[in-house]
Amino acid sequence: MTILMMLVAAVWAAASAATQTVPRAAVALDNARVRAYRTTIGAVAGVAHGPGVVIWLRDGPGGQAGRALWLDDVAVPPATGQSGDAIVIVQPLAQPAPRSSPPSGSKPGDAPFTGMSFVPLFENTRVSVLRARMEVDAREGVHTHSSDTIVVHLSGGEIEDTANGKTIVNRWKPGDVEFESRGSSHSARNISHPVDVVLVALKP
């Protein structure tokens, strides 16, 4: 009887372990140029091996909101983080053949603006990473992107965006990721509280 009970307990334990799921990163953006994941430090199941940027979404033991670092393999958790830290991973994909710059293309922060600030975080051969803030009623004039740019929202907020003669209001939440393609043109105005983001500009 004891052996039978031990066998039943072992089978139950094995079945329980098999049904437990490993936390997986959620894909937030996926296109030919970049893939972005929302996850936490230590929960990198489903993240492809390769280089990329890790961005902290809020203050925690492993870093402050907006902290960004480059890793040679984003599928391996950074040694500096804590397992509960919420992050976004931005992973540039294979670089396409060089394209000519769009006419009058601008880098993040180069367009005419009021009520905005930009702080460079780091730059390498693949990306340029900046922290940006739009104060209440901040405005960014019409500009054309000279690079594919990933916007990682730290605070969320409402941004009025005008492109191709149409104005829409985007309602962003913390951790949302948006893609602004190279050659796209628009203007923007913050119609909510101060908005904090991290910008990852991909190099051609």
Protein backbone atom coordinates (compact mmCIF):
# COMPACT_ATOMS: atom_id res chain seq x y z
CA MET A 1 0.00 0.00 0.00
CA THR A 2 2.83 2.40 0.88
CA ILE A 3 4.51 1.78 -2.48
CA LEU A 4 1.22 2.39 -4.28
CA MET A 5 0.74 5.69 -2.39
CA MET A 6 4.31 6.75 -3.21
CA LEU A 7 3.73 5.90 -6.87
CA VAL A 8 0.47 7.90 -6.96
CA ALA A 9 2.22 10.86 -5.26
CA ALA A 10 5.09 10.73 -7.77
CA VAL A 11 2.72 10.64 -10.74
CA TRP A 12 0.69 13.54 -9.30
CA ALA A 13 3.87 15.60 -8.69
CA ALA A 14 5.09 14.94 -12.24
CA ALA A 15 1.70 15.90 -13.71
CA SER A 16 1.62 19.10 -11.63
CA ALA A 17 5.11 20.08 -12.76
CA ALA A 18 4.18 19.43 -16.40
CA THR A 19 1.14 21.71 -16.22
CA GLN A 20 3.05 24.67 -14.71
CA THR A 21 3.92 27.17 -17.38
CA VAL A 22 7.12 29.13 -17.63
CA PRO A 23 6.45 32.89 -17.86
CA ARG A 24 6.89 33.98 -21.47
CA ALA A 25 7.70 37.37 -22.91
CA ALA A 26 4.78 38.94 -24.83
CA VAL A 27 5.54 40.21 -28.33
CA ALA A 28 4.60 43.91 -28.42
CA LEU A 29 5.90 44.72 -31.92
CA ASP A 30 7.09 42.52 -34.78
CA ASN A 31 8.04 43.63 -38.27
CA ALA A 32 10.91 43.18 -40.75
CA ARG A 33 13.14 45.70 -38.93
CA VAL A 34 12.55 45.08 -35.23
CA ARG A 35 10.89 42.90 -32.63
CA ALA A 36 9.92 44.17 -29.17
CA TYR A 37 8.83 42.18 -26.13
CA ARG A 38 7.11 43.14 -22.85
CA THR A 39 8.25 41.02 -19.93
CA THR A 40 10.14 41.04 -16.64
CA ILE A 41 13.80 40.40 -15.88
CA GLY A 42 14.22 36.63 -15.70
CA ALA A 43 11.11 35.84 -17.79
CA VAL A 44 12.75 35.71 -21.20
CA ALA A 45 11.19 32.48 -22.52
CA GLY A 46 10.18 33.15 -26.11
CA VAL A 47 12.78 35.90 -26.66
CA ALA A 48 15.02 35.18 -29.65
CA HIS A 49 18.76 35.08 -29.00
CA GLY A 50 20.62 38.10 -30.34
CA PRO A 51 21.59 41.67 -29.46
CA GLY A 52 19.18 44.38 -28.36
CA VAL A 53 18.16 47.09 -25.91
CA VAL A 54 16.64 46.39 -22.49
CA ILE A 55 14.49 49.25 -21.12
CA TRP A 56 13.14 49.43 -17.56
CA LEU A 57 9.47 50.51 -17.43
CA ARG A 58 9.34 51.61 -13.79
CA ASP A 59 11.58 52.14 -10.81
CA GLY A 60 12.64 48.92 -9.15
CA PRO A 61 15.56 47.21 -7.42
CA GLY A 62 17.38 46.69 -10.73
CA GLY A 63 17.03 50.18 -12.19
CA GLN A 64 15.03 53.35 -12.63
CA ALA A 65 12.26 53.84 -15.17
CA GLY A 66 13.80 54.71 -18.52
CA ARG A 67 17.12 53.01 -17.82
CA ALA A 68 18.38 51.38 -21.01
CA LEU A 69 21.31 49.13 -21.79
CA TRP A 70 22.62 47.18 -24.76
CA LEU A 71 23.10 43.42 -24.41
CA ASP A 72 24.81 41.11 -26.88
CA ASP A 73 22.15 38.49 -26.10
CA VAL A 74 18.80 39.77 -24.82
CA ALA A 75 17.58 36.20 -24.22
CA VAL A 76 19.98 36.02 -21.26
CA PRO A 77 18.74 38.13 -18.31
CA PRO A 78 21.05 41.02 -17.40
CA ALA A 79 23.02 40.41 -14.22
CA THR A 80 22.08 43.88 -12.94
CA GLY A 81 18.31 43.34 -12.80
CA GLN A 82 15.90 41.83 -10.30
CA SER A 83 13.46 39.14 -11.40
CA GLY A 84 10.36 41.30 -10.89
CA ASP A 85 11.55 44.37 -12.83
CA ALA A 86 9.17 45.18 -15.72
CA ILE A 87 11.07 45.69 -18.97
CA VAL A 88 10.68 46.09 -22.71
CA ILE A 89 13.26 44.41 -24.95
CA VAL A 90 13.86 46.04 -28.36
CA GLN A 91 15.68 43.72 -30.73
CA PRO A 92 16.86 45.09 -34.11
CA LEU A 93 16.62 42.38 -36.77
CA ALA A 94 18.89 41.76 -39.74
CA GLN A 95 19.91 45.00 -41.36
CA PRO A 96 18.51 45.53 -44.88
CA ALA A 97 20.57 46.97 -47.72
CA PRO A 98 21.26 50.68 -47.12
CA ARG A 99 18.57 53.05 -48.38
CA SER A 100 18.97 56.69 -49.23
CA SER A 101 17.81 59.17 -46.61
CA PRO A 102 14.32 60.57 -47.07
CA PRO A 103 14.27 64.24 -48.03
CA SER A 104 14.71 66.51 -45.00
CA GLY A 105 14.60 63.56 -42.60
CA SER A 106 15.26 64.39 -38.95
CA LYS A 107 16.61 62.55 -35.94
CA PRO A 108 14.59 62.46 -32.70
CA GLY A 109 14.74 65.92 -31.15
CA ASP A 110 15.75 67.71 -34.38
CA ALA A 111 12.23 68.88 -35.37
CA PRO A 112 10.87 72.23 -34.13
CA PHE A 113 9.28 71.66 -30.73
CA THR A 114 8.11 73.38 -27.56
CA GLY A 115 7.81 71.80 -24.12
CA MET A 116 9.93 68.77 -24.97
CA SER A 117 13.29 67.53 -23.72
CA PHE A 118 15.66 64.86 -25.03
CA VAL A 119 18.50 63.17 -23.11
CA PRO A 120 20.86 60.83 -25.00
CA LEU A 121 21.32 57.52 -23.15
CA PHE A 122 23.75 55.69 -25.45
CA GLU A 123 24.62 55.04 -29.08
CA ASN A 124 26.36 52.23 -30.93
CA THR A 125 26.59 50.94 -34.52
CA ARG A 126 23.00 49.58 -34.44
CA VAL A 127 20.93 52.09 -32.43
CA SER A 128 20.74 55.54 -30.90
CA VAL A 129 18.76 55.60 -27.63
CA LEU A 130 17.26 58.73 -26.02
CA ARG A 131 14.96 59.52 -23.12
CA ALA A 132 12.27 62.05 -24.08
CA ARG A 133 9.59 63.97 -22.20
CA MET A 134 6.58 65.88 -23.50
CA GLU A 135 5.21 68.37 -20.97
CA VAL A 136 1.49 69.21 -20.90
CA ASP A 137 0.55 70.87 -24.23
CA ALA A 138 4.04 70.19 -25.65
CA ARG A 139 4.15 70.37 -29.44
CA GLU A 140 6.41 68.79 -32.01
CA GLY A 141 6.25 70.38 -35.44
CA VAL A 142 5.82 68.48 -38.70
CA HIS A 143 8.87 66.33 -39.29
CA THR A 144 9.97 63.34 -41.35
CA HIS A 145 11.74 60.44 -39.65
CA SER A 146 15.23 59.73 -41.00
CA SER A 147 15.27 56.34 -39.26
CA ASP A 148 12.87 53.67 -38.07
CA THR A 149 12.14 54.68 -34.48
CA ILE A 150 10.65 52.59 -31.68
CA VAL A 151 8.83 54.53 -28.95
CA VAL A 152 8.59 52.77 -25.57
CA HIS A 153 6.01 54.48 -23.34
CA LEU A 154 7.02 54.77 -19.69
CA SER A 155 4.15 56.89 -18.35
CA GLY A 156 1.40 56.50 -20.92
CA GLY A 157 -0.74 59.47 -21.92
CA GLU A 158 -2.75 60.99 -24.75
CA ILE A 159 -0.98 62.33 -27.82
CA GLU A 160 -2.77 64.12 -30.64
CA ASP A 161 -1.06 63.03 -33.85
CA THR A 162 -1.55 64.66 -37.26
CA ALA A 163 -0.40 62.90 -40.44
CA ASN A 164 -1.62 63.07 -44.04
CA GLY A 165 -4.21 65.72 -43.13
CA LYS A 166 -5.86 63.55 -40.46
CA THR A 167 -5.69 64.07 -36.69
CA ILE A 168 -6.19 61.21 -34.25
CA VAL A 169 -5.72 60.87 -30.49
CA ASN A 170 -3.53 57.96 -29.39
CA ARG A 171 -4.10 56.76 -25.83
CA TRP A 172 -0.90 55.07 -24.67
CA LYS A 173 -0.41 52.95 -21.54
CA PRO A 174 2.87 52.30 -19.71
CA GLY A 175 4.71 49.56 -21.59
CA ASP A 176 3.05 50.27 -24.95
CA VAL A 177 5.41 50.20 -27.92
CA GLU A 178 4.92 52.07 -31.18
CA PHE A 179 6.82 52.06 -34.47
CA GLU A 180 7.46 55.23 -36.47
CA SER A 181 8.77 54.20 -39.87
CA ARG A 182 11.61 55.83 -41.73
CA GLY A 183 10.25 58.43 -44.14
CA SER A 184 6.95 58.91 -42.27
CA SER A 185 5.89 62.49 -41.49
CA HIS A 186 3.65 63.83 -38.72
CA SER A 187 3.26 66.39 -35.95
CA ALA A 188 2.29 65.72 -32.33
CA ARG A 189 0.79 67.48 -29.30
CA ASN A 190 0.47 66.22 -25.73
CA ILE A 191 -3.12 66.65 -24.53
CA SER A 192 -2.67 64.88 -21.17
CA HIS A 193 -0.20 64.75 -18.28
CA PRO A 194 3.59 64.83 -18.90
CA VAL A 195 4.55 61.89 -21.11
CA ASP A 196 7.86 60.05 -20.69
CA VAL A 197 9.23 57.71 -23.36
CA VAL A 198 12.42 56.03 -24.48
CA LEU A 199 13.21 56.38 -28.20
CA VAL A 200 15.24 53.70 -29.97
CA ALA A 201 16.32 54.92 -33.43
CA LEU A 202 17.53 52.10 -35.64
CA LYS A 203 20.55 52.84 -37.79
CA PRO A 204 20.27 51.94 -41.48
